[in-house]
Protein backbone atom coordinates (compact mmCIF):
# COMPACT_ATOMS: atom_id res chain seq x y z
CA MET A 1 -0.70 0.24 -0.07
CA PRO A 2 1.65 3.36 -0.82
CA CYS A 3 2.16 5.53 2.03
CA ILE A 4 1.00 9.11 -0.20
CA ASP A 5 -1.28 10.68 -2.08
CA SER A 6 0.24 12.32 -4.79
CA VAL A 7 4.09 14.35 -5.57
CA PRO A 8 4.01 18.24 -5.45
CA PRO A 9 3.56 19.63 -9.40
CA THR A 10 7.67 19.50 -10.31
CA PRO A 11 7.86 23.68 -10.96
CA VAL A 12 8.58 24.98 -14.57
CA PHE A 13 11.81 25.61 -14.38
CA LEU A 14 13.48 28.17 -17.27
CA SER A 15 15.64 26.64 -20.00
CA ASP A 16 19.29 27.57 -21.52
CA ALA A 17 17.79 29.43 -24.24
CA GLU A 18 15.14 31.38 -22.35
CA LEU A 19 18.19 32.88 -19.73
CA LEU A 20 20.14 33.38 -22.31
CA ALA A 21 17.76 35.28 -24.64
CA ALA A 22 17.04 37.74 -21.23
CA PRO A 23 19.48 41.04 -20.00
CA ASN A 24 21.60 39.92 -17.16
CA GLY A 25 19.53 41.79 -14.71
CA LEU A 26 16.94 39.35 -15.60
CA ALA A 27 18.19 36.56 -15.85
CA VAL A 28 19.83 36.90 -12.56
CA ASP A 29 16.94 37.36 -11.24
CA ARG A 30 14.37 34.42 -13.15
CA LEU A 31 17.37 32.28 -12.21
CA TRP A 32 16.36 32.78 -8.24
CA ARG A 33 13.39 32.52 -8.71
CA ASP A 34 14.09 28.86 -9.95
CA HIS A 35 16.64 28.78 -7.35
CA LEU A 36 13.69 29.24 -4.32
CA GLN A 37 11.18 27.42 -6.70
CA ARG A 38 13.72 24.11 -6.54
CA LYS A 39 14.00 24.53 -2.51
CA GLN A 40 10.65 25.10 -1.43
CA TRP A 41 10.01 21.28 -4.30
CA GLU A 42 13.13 19.11 -2.53
CA GLY A 43 11.62 20.29 0.83
CA GLN A 44 7.94 19.03 0.25
CA LEU A 45 9.41 16.14 -1.59
CA GLU A 46 12.00 15.66 1.05
CA ALA A 47 9.19 16.24 4.19
CA LEU A 48 6.73 12.80 1.89
CA VAL A 49 9.76 10.88 2.27
CA VAL A 50 10.61 11.07 5.66
CA ALA A 51 6.96 10.52 6.72
CA CYS A 52 6.72 7.59 4.48
CA VAL A 53 9.61 6.01 5.82
CA GLY A 54 8.53 6.75 9.42
CA LEU A 55 5.69 4.96 9.01
CA LYS A 56 7.18 1.73 7.54
CA LYS A 57 9.01 1.94 11.14
């Protein structure tokens, strides 16, 4: 029986081409936004894994 119902959806990250097309300042802002989204998403996944492992003990 699965220990979770679903996983958080993967955020949409910018492609290399999209980053290269942006002016330098905008590219940095976009990279920072992606970084924050990825950290939040990874935190949600980690919490699910920890909870799932805890159920099996």
